[in-house]
Amino acid sequence: SEAFIRLKNNSAIPNKDFVLTYKTVMDQIADTILTQFDSRGGFFTLILQPPQRVQPDWIVPKEMIFVIDKSGSMQGFPIETAKKTMKMCIENLHPNDTFNLMTFERGVGFCFDAPMPNTPDNRAKALTYLGNLQGSGGTEMMKAIDACLGGQKDSQRIRVVCFMTDGYVGNDMAIIDAVKKNAGTTRVFSFGIGGSVNRYLLDGMARAGRGEVEYVLPQAQTDQAAKRFYDRVSTPVLTDIELDWGTLPVSDVQPKLIPDL
C-alpha cells in the first residue's frame, strides 16, 4: 500500500515542477477513505474510483438528450464543433440507450417527438438532422431547459442532458436553479465552445446537474475535447449514490448530492 518515488539524479537542481502521473489498475469499483483529526474534530474524504475497464452489463441505461444551440453566434467553428462532438456521441450509444436531439435559438426544435431506441435507422435520421443544422436567430435557453428537463421520465433509464453552446446566454441564475430542481432525476453536462463562453453559467449548470463541463477554444484540438466529453457521459456504473452513516454523527458533507460514478 506504499510507494516511494525519488529523483533518479540526486544532483539535479529542483527548479521545475515534479509531475507524478499514475493510473489505477483495479478490475472492480474500489473505495478509499482518508481521515484527519485535530482540535476541531474529525474530517474525512471518501474516494470512489471506477474500474479500469467497464463491462457492458455494468453500464446504467441512459436516455440521452443532446441539446445544441443554433443561434447566429454559433455560426462557423462553434456549431461545427458541436455537431462533430454530438456525432461521436450518437455513433457510440450503448444498445439499451434511447436518445433525442433538441435545438434552440428563439424557439426549440426536436429531431423526434420522443426519445427513440438506439437503432441504425434512428441514428441515420439523427445524423441527417444534425448535418442540416445552421446557426441563425437569437438565443433563448430557458425554453430549451424547460423542454428537456420536464416531461415524463423513463423509470428504466437515467436521463442525461448534454448542452452544447457558445454561451451567449442570459438569465444565469434562473437556468441554474431550474437545473438544480431536476438534479434528482436528470444529469446535465455542458460543452462550451469558443473564446467568450459564459463559464459561470456552464460551470453552474454542470455542478447543479451532477455532471461535468468541457470547453473548446477556437485554436484547441477539438477531437480530444470531444472524446473527453464522450467518455464522461457514456458509461455511468453507479447512479443515485447514497451513504448510510449508521450511528456515526456526520455533518457538513459536501457535495450534498453525490455525483454518479
Protein backbone atom coordinates (compact mmCIF):
# COMPACT_ATOMS: atom_id res chain seq x y z
CA SER A 1 0.00 0.00 0.00
CA GLU A 2 3.03 2.31 -0.20
CA ALA A 3 5.30 3.58 -2.92
CA PHE A 4 8.47 5.67 -2.68
CA ILE A 5 9.37 7.88 -5.63
CA ARG A 6 12.75 9.62 -5.84
CA LEU A 7 14.54 11.61 -8.49
CA LYS A 8 16.90 9.37 -10.44
CA ASN A 9 19.62 12.02 -10.48
CA ASN A 10 20.22 13.20 -6.89
CA SER A 11 22.34 16.10 -8.13
CA ALA A 12 19.50 17.57 -10.21
CA ILE A 13 18.54 21.13 -9.28
CA PRO A 14 14.86 21.02 -8.19
CA ASN A 15 13.82 24.13 -10.14
CA LYS A 16 10.96 22.60 -12.13
CA ASP A 17 7.58 21.11 -11.27
CA PHE A 18 7.70 17.44 -10.34
CA VAL A 19 4.73 15.75 -12.04
CA LEU A 20 3.72 12.26 -10.96
CA THR A 21 1.31 10.58 -13.36
CA TYR A 22 -0.32 7.32 -12.34
CA LYS A 23 -3.36 5.25 -13.16
CA THR A 24 -5.33 2.64 -11.27
CA VAL A 25 -5.46 -0.98 -12.38
CA MET A 26 -8.45 -2.27 -10.44
CA ASP A 27 -10.94 -4.55 -12.18
CA GLN A 28 -13.76 -3.61 -9.79
CA ILE A 29 -15.12 -0.44 -8.24
CA ALA A 30 -12.77 0.48 -5.39
CA ASP A 31 -13.02 2.86 -2.44
CA THR A 32 -10.58 4.65 -0.17
CA ILE A 33 -11.20 6.81 2.87
CA LEU A 34 -8.73 9.40 4.13
CA THR A 35 -9.15 10.70 7.69
CA GLN A 36 -7.74 13.60 9.70
CA PHE A 37 -8.25 14.50 13.36
CA ASP A 38 -7.29 17.75 15.11
CA SER A 39 -8.61 20.10 17.78
CA ARG A 40 -11.69 20.90 15.66
CA GLY A 41 -12.77 17.26 15.36
CA GLY A 42 -12.62 14.62 12.65
CA PHE A 43 -12.59 15.07 8.89
CA PHE A 44 -12.66 12.62 6.02
CA THR A 45 -12.51 12.31 2.25
CA LEU A 46 -14.20 9.33 0.62
CA ILE A 47 -12.95 8.39 -2.84
CA LEU A 48 -14.77 6.01 -5.19
CA GLN A 49 -12.91 5.01 -8.31
CA PRO A 50 -14.42 3.26 -11.32
CA PRO A 51 -12.88 0.10 -12.73
CA GLN A 52 -10.22 0.44 -15.40
CA ARG A 53 -12.50 -1.36 -17.87
CA VAL A 54 -16.27 -1.24 -17.65
CA GLN A 55 -18.13 -4.43 -18.57
CA PRO A 56 -21.15 -3.83 -20.84
CA ASP A 57 -23.64 -5.24 -18.30
CA TRP A 58 -22.41 -2.77 -15.64
CA ILE A 59 -23.43 0.30 -17.66
CA VAL A 60 -26.61 2.02 -16.47
CA PRO A 61 -29.03 2.52 -19.43
CA LYS A 62 -29.43 6.18 -20.40
CA GLU A 63 -31.97 8.45 -22.02
CA MET A 64 -29.66 10.84 -23.86
CA ILE A 65 -30.93 14.28 -24.82
CA PHE A 66 -28.48 16.26 -26.96
CA VAL A 67 -29.26 19.99 -26.93
CA ILE A 68 -27.47 22.19 -29.47
CA ASP A 69 -27.50 25.99 -29.60
CA LYS A 70 -28.11 27.06 -33.20
CA SER A 71 -28.28 30.80 -32.65
CA GLY A 72 -26.46 33.18 -35.01
CA SER A 73 -23.36 33.43 -32.79
CA MET A 74 -22.83 29.67 -33.23
CA GLN A 75 -22.26 30.00 -36.98
CA GLY A 76 -18.96 28.52 -38.19
CA PHE A 77 -16.47 26.93 -35.77
CA PRO A 78 -18.84 26.62 -32.74
CA ILE A 79 -21.68 24.79 -34.46
CA GLU A 80 -19.35 22.56 -36.50
CA THR A 81 -17.51 21.57 -33.31
CA ALA A 82 -20.80 20.87 -31.54
CA LYS A 83 -22.01 18.75 -34.47
CA LYS A 84 -18.75 16.74 -34.55
CA THR A 85 -18.99 16.05 -30.80
CA MET A 86 -22.66 15.14 -30.99
CA LYS A 87 -22.00 12.82 -33.94
CA MET A 88 -19.37 10.93 -31.91
CA CYS A 89 -21.80 10.52 -29.01
CA ILE A 90 -24.66 9.32 -31.24
CA GLU A 91 -22.50 6.81 -33.12
CA ASN A 92 -21.25 5.30 -29.85
CA LEU A 93 -24.50 5.00 -27.89
CA HIS A 94 -24.93 1.76 -25.98
CA PRO A 95 -27.56 -0.78 -27.13
CA ASN A 96 -30.01 -0.08 -24.29
CA ASP A 97 -29.85 3.72 -24.62
CA THR A 98 -32.57 5.91 -26.05
CA PHE A 99 -31.90 9.38 -27.46
CA ASN A 100 -33.22 12.56 -29.00
CA LEU A 101 -31.80 15.79 -30.44
CA MET A 102 -33.07 19.25 -29.49
CA THR A 103 -32.13 22.64 -30.93
CA PHE A 104 -32.75 26.10 -29.55
CA GLU A 105 -32.48 29.73 -30.63
CA ARG A 106 -35.64 31.83 -30.23
CA GLY A 107 -37.66 28.60 -30.08
CA VAL A 108 -36.93 24.90 -29.71
CA GLY A 109 -36.92 22.07 -32.24
CA PHE A 110 -36.72 18.29 -31.99
CA CYS A 111 -35.44 15.52 -34.23
CA PHE A 112 -38.03 13.07 -32.81
CA ASP A 113 -41.28 13.55 -30.91
CA ALA A 114 -39.86 11.48 -28.04
CA PRO A 115 -36.59 9.69 -27.15
CA MET A 116 -36.09 6.82 -29.59
CA PRO A 117 -34.32 3.43 -29.33
CA ASN A 118 -30.72 3.26 -30.46
CA THR A 119 -31.21 1.61 -33.86
CA PRO A 120 -29.27 2.12 -37.12
CA ASP A 121 -32.33 3.74 -38.73
CA ASN A 122 -32.83 6.21 -35.86
CA ARG A 123 -29.13 7.05 -35.76
CA ALA A 124 -29.15 7.72 -39.51
CA LYS A 125 -32.17 10.06 -39.16
CA ALA A 126 -30.48 11.89 -36.28
CA LEU A 127 -27.22 12.35 -38.19
CA THR A 128 -29.11 13.72 -41.21
CA TYR A 129 -30.96 16.15 -38.92
CA LEU A 130 -27.65 17.14 -37.32
CA GLY A 131 -25.89 17.64 -40.64
CA ASN A 132 -28.52 20.13 -41.80
CA LEU A 133 -28.23 22.44 -38.79
CA GLN A 134 -27.04 26.02 -39.35
CA GLY A 135 -26.59 28.89 -36.90
CA SER A 136 -29.17 31.69 -37.08
CA GLY A 137 -31.50 33.68 -34.85
CA GLY A 138 -31.35 34.76 -31.21
CA THR A 139 -30.62 32.80 -28.06
CA GLU A 140 -33.32 31.85 -25.55
CA MET A 141 -32.04 28.92 -23.50
CA MET A 142 -34.78 28.84 -20.86
CA LYS A 143 -37.30 27.33 -23.29
CA ALA A 144 -34.86 24.51 -24.02
CA ILE A 145 -34.23 23.99 -20.30
CA ASP A 146 -37.96 23.64 -19.63
CA ALA A 147 -38.43 21.34 -22.62
CA CYS A 148 -35.59 18.90 -21.92
CA LEU A 149 -35.87 18.74 -18.12
CA GLY A 150 -39.65 18.48 -17.96
CA GLY A 151 -41.97 15.78 -19.20
CA GLN A 152 -42.23 12.09 -18.45
CA LYS A 153 -39.10 10.38 -17.10
CA ASP A 154 -38.15 6.85 -18.19
CA SER A 155 -38.08 4.77 -15.00
CA GLN A 156 -35.67 2.26 -16.61
CA ARG A 157 -33.07 4.84 -17.63
CA ILE A 158 -31.19 7.79 -16.24
CA ARG A 159 -31.79 10.97 -18.23
CA VAL A 160 -28.56 12.65 -19.35
CA VAL A 161 -28.85 16.08 -21.00
CA CYS A 162 -25.87 17.43 -22.96
CA PHE A 163 -25.92 21.18 -23.67
CA MET A 164 -23.63 22.46 -26.44
CA THR A 165 -23.38 26.23 -26.72
CA ASP A 166 -21.04 29.18 -27.14
CA GLY A 167 -22.70 30.56 -24.03
CA TYR A 168 -24.03 33.93 -25.23
CA VAL A 169 -26.95 33.42 -22.87
CA GLY A 170 -28.55 35.46 -20.08
CA ASN A 171 -30.74 34.58 -17.03
CA ASP A 172 -27.90 32.60 -15.44
CA MET A 173 -29.46 32.16 -12.02
CA ALA A 174 -32.89 31.12 -13.32
CA ILE A 175 -31.31 28.50 -15.60
CA ILE A 176 -29.04 27.08 -12.86
CA ASP A 177 -31.97 26.99 -10.43
CA ALA A 178 -34.09 25.05 -12.96
CA VAL A 179 -31.27 22.53 -13.42
CA LYS A 180 -30.84 22.16 -9.64
CA LYS A 181 -34.56 21.41 -9.17
CA ASN A 182 -34.29 18.48 -11.61
CA ALA A 183 -30.94 17.08 -10.44
CA GLY A 184 -32.64 14.16 -8.68
CA THR A 185 -33.70 12.57 -11.97
CA THR A 186 -31.61 14.29 -14.65
CA ARG A 187 -27.87 14.78 -15.14
CA VAL A 188 -26.70 17.86 -17.03
CA PHE A 189 -23.37 18.02 -18.86
CA SER A 190 -22.28 21.20 -20.63
CA PHE A 191 -19.94 21.71 -23.57
CA GLY A 192 -18.76 25.28 -24.10
CA ILE A 193 -17.31 26.32 -27.45
CA GLY A 194 -15.37 29.46 -28.36
CA GLY A 195 -13.34 32.17 -26.66
CA SER A 196 -16.12 34.11 -24.93
CA VAL A 197 -18.13 31.37 -23.24
CA ASN A 198 -20.25 32.21 -20.19
CA ARG A 199 -18.25 29.94 -17.89
CA TYR A 200 -20.19 30.94 -14.80
CA LEU A 201 -23.37 29.61 -16.41
CA LEU A 202 -21.94 26.39 -17.86
CA ASP A 203 -19.94 25.56 -14.72
CA GLY A 204 -23.05 26.20 -12.63
CA MET A 205 -25.28 24.05 -14.85
CA ALA A 206 -22.89 21.08 -14.66
CA ARG A 207 -22.39 21.45 -10.90
CA ALA A 208 -26.11 21.78 -10.21
CA GLY A 209 -26.89 18.90 -12.59
CA ARG A 210 -24.34 16.47 -11.11
CA GLY A 211 -22.46 16.44 -14.40
CA GLU A 212 -19.21 17.77 -15.87
CA VAL A 213 -18.22 20.60 -18.18
CA GLU A 214 -15.79 20.71 -21.13
CA TYR A 215 -14.53 23.77 -23.01
CA VAL A 216 -13.06 24.10 -26.51
CA LEU A 217 -11.20 27.22 -27.62
CA PRO A 218 -11.03 28.08 -31.34
CA GLN A 219 -7.38 27.04 -31.54
CA ALA A 220 -7.80 23.88 -29.41
CA GLN A 221 -7.75 20.27 -30.57
CA THR A 222 -11.45 19.62 -30.90
CA ASP A 223 -11.19 15.85 -31.38
CA GLN A 224 -9.57 15.38 -27.97
CA ALA A 225 -12.13 17.59 -26.26
CA ALA A 226 -14.98 15.73 -27.96
CA LYS A 227 -13.56 12.39 -26.79
CA ARG A 228 -13.17 13.64 -23.21
CA PHE A 229 -16.78 14.79 -23.25
CA TYR A 230 -17.98 11.47 -24.68
CA ASP A 231 -16.01 9.49 -22.08
CA ARG A 232 -17.63 11.47 -19.27
CA VAL A 233 -21.22 10.89 -20.35
CA SER A 234 -21.03 7.41 -21.85
CA THR A 235 -20.61 4.85 -19.06
CA PRO A 236 -22.20 5.50 -15.66
CA VAL A 237 -21.71 2.44 -13.42
CA LEU A 238 -23.21 3.74 -10.15
CA THR A 239 -26.02 6.29 -10.01
CA ASP A 240 -28.06 7.86 -7.20
CA ILE A 241 -25.30 7.09 -4.69
CA GLU A 242 -26.26 7.42 -1.01
CA LEU A 243 -24.13 6.82 2.10
CA ASP A 244 -25.52 5.10 5.21
CA TRP A 245 -23.68 6.58 8.20
CA GLY A 246 -25.27 4.23 10.76
CA THR A 247 -24.85 5.83 14.20
CA LEU A 248 -21.84 7.93 13.20
CA PRO A 249 -22.58 11.64 13.82
CA VAL A 250 -21.69 13.24 10.48
CA SER A 251 -22.29 16.85 9.42
CA ASP A 252 -21.31 19.31 6.68
CA VAL A 253 -20.96 16.68 3.95
CA GLN A 254 -20.07 18.05 0.51
CA PRO A 255 -21.39 17.71 -2.09
CA LYS A 256 -24.99 17.49 -0.93
CA LEU A 257 -25.86 15.30 -3.92
CA ILE A 258 -23.12 12.79 -4.72
CA PRO A 259 -22.17 12.67 -8.41
CA ASP A 260 -22.57 9.43 -10.35
CA LEU A 261 -19.56 7.19 -10.83
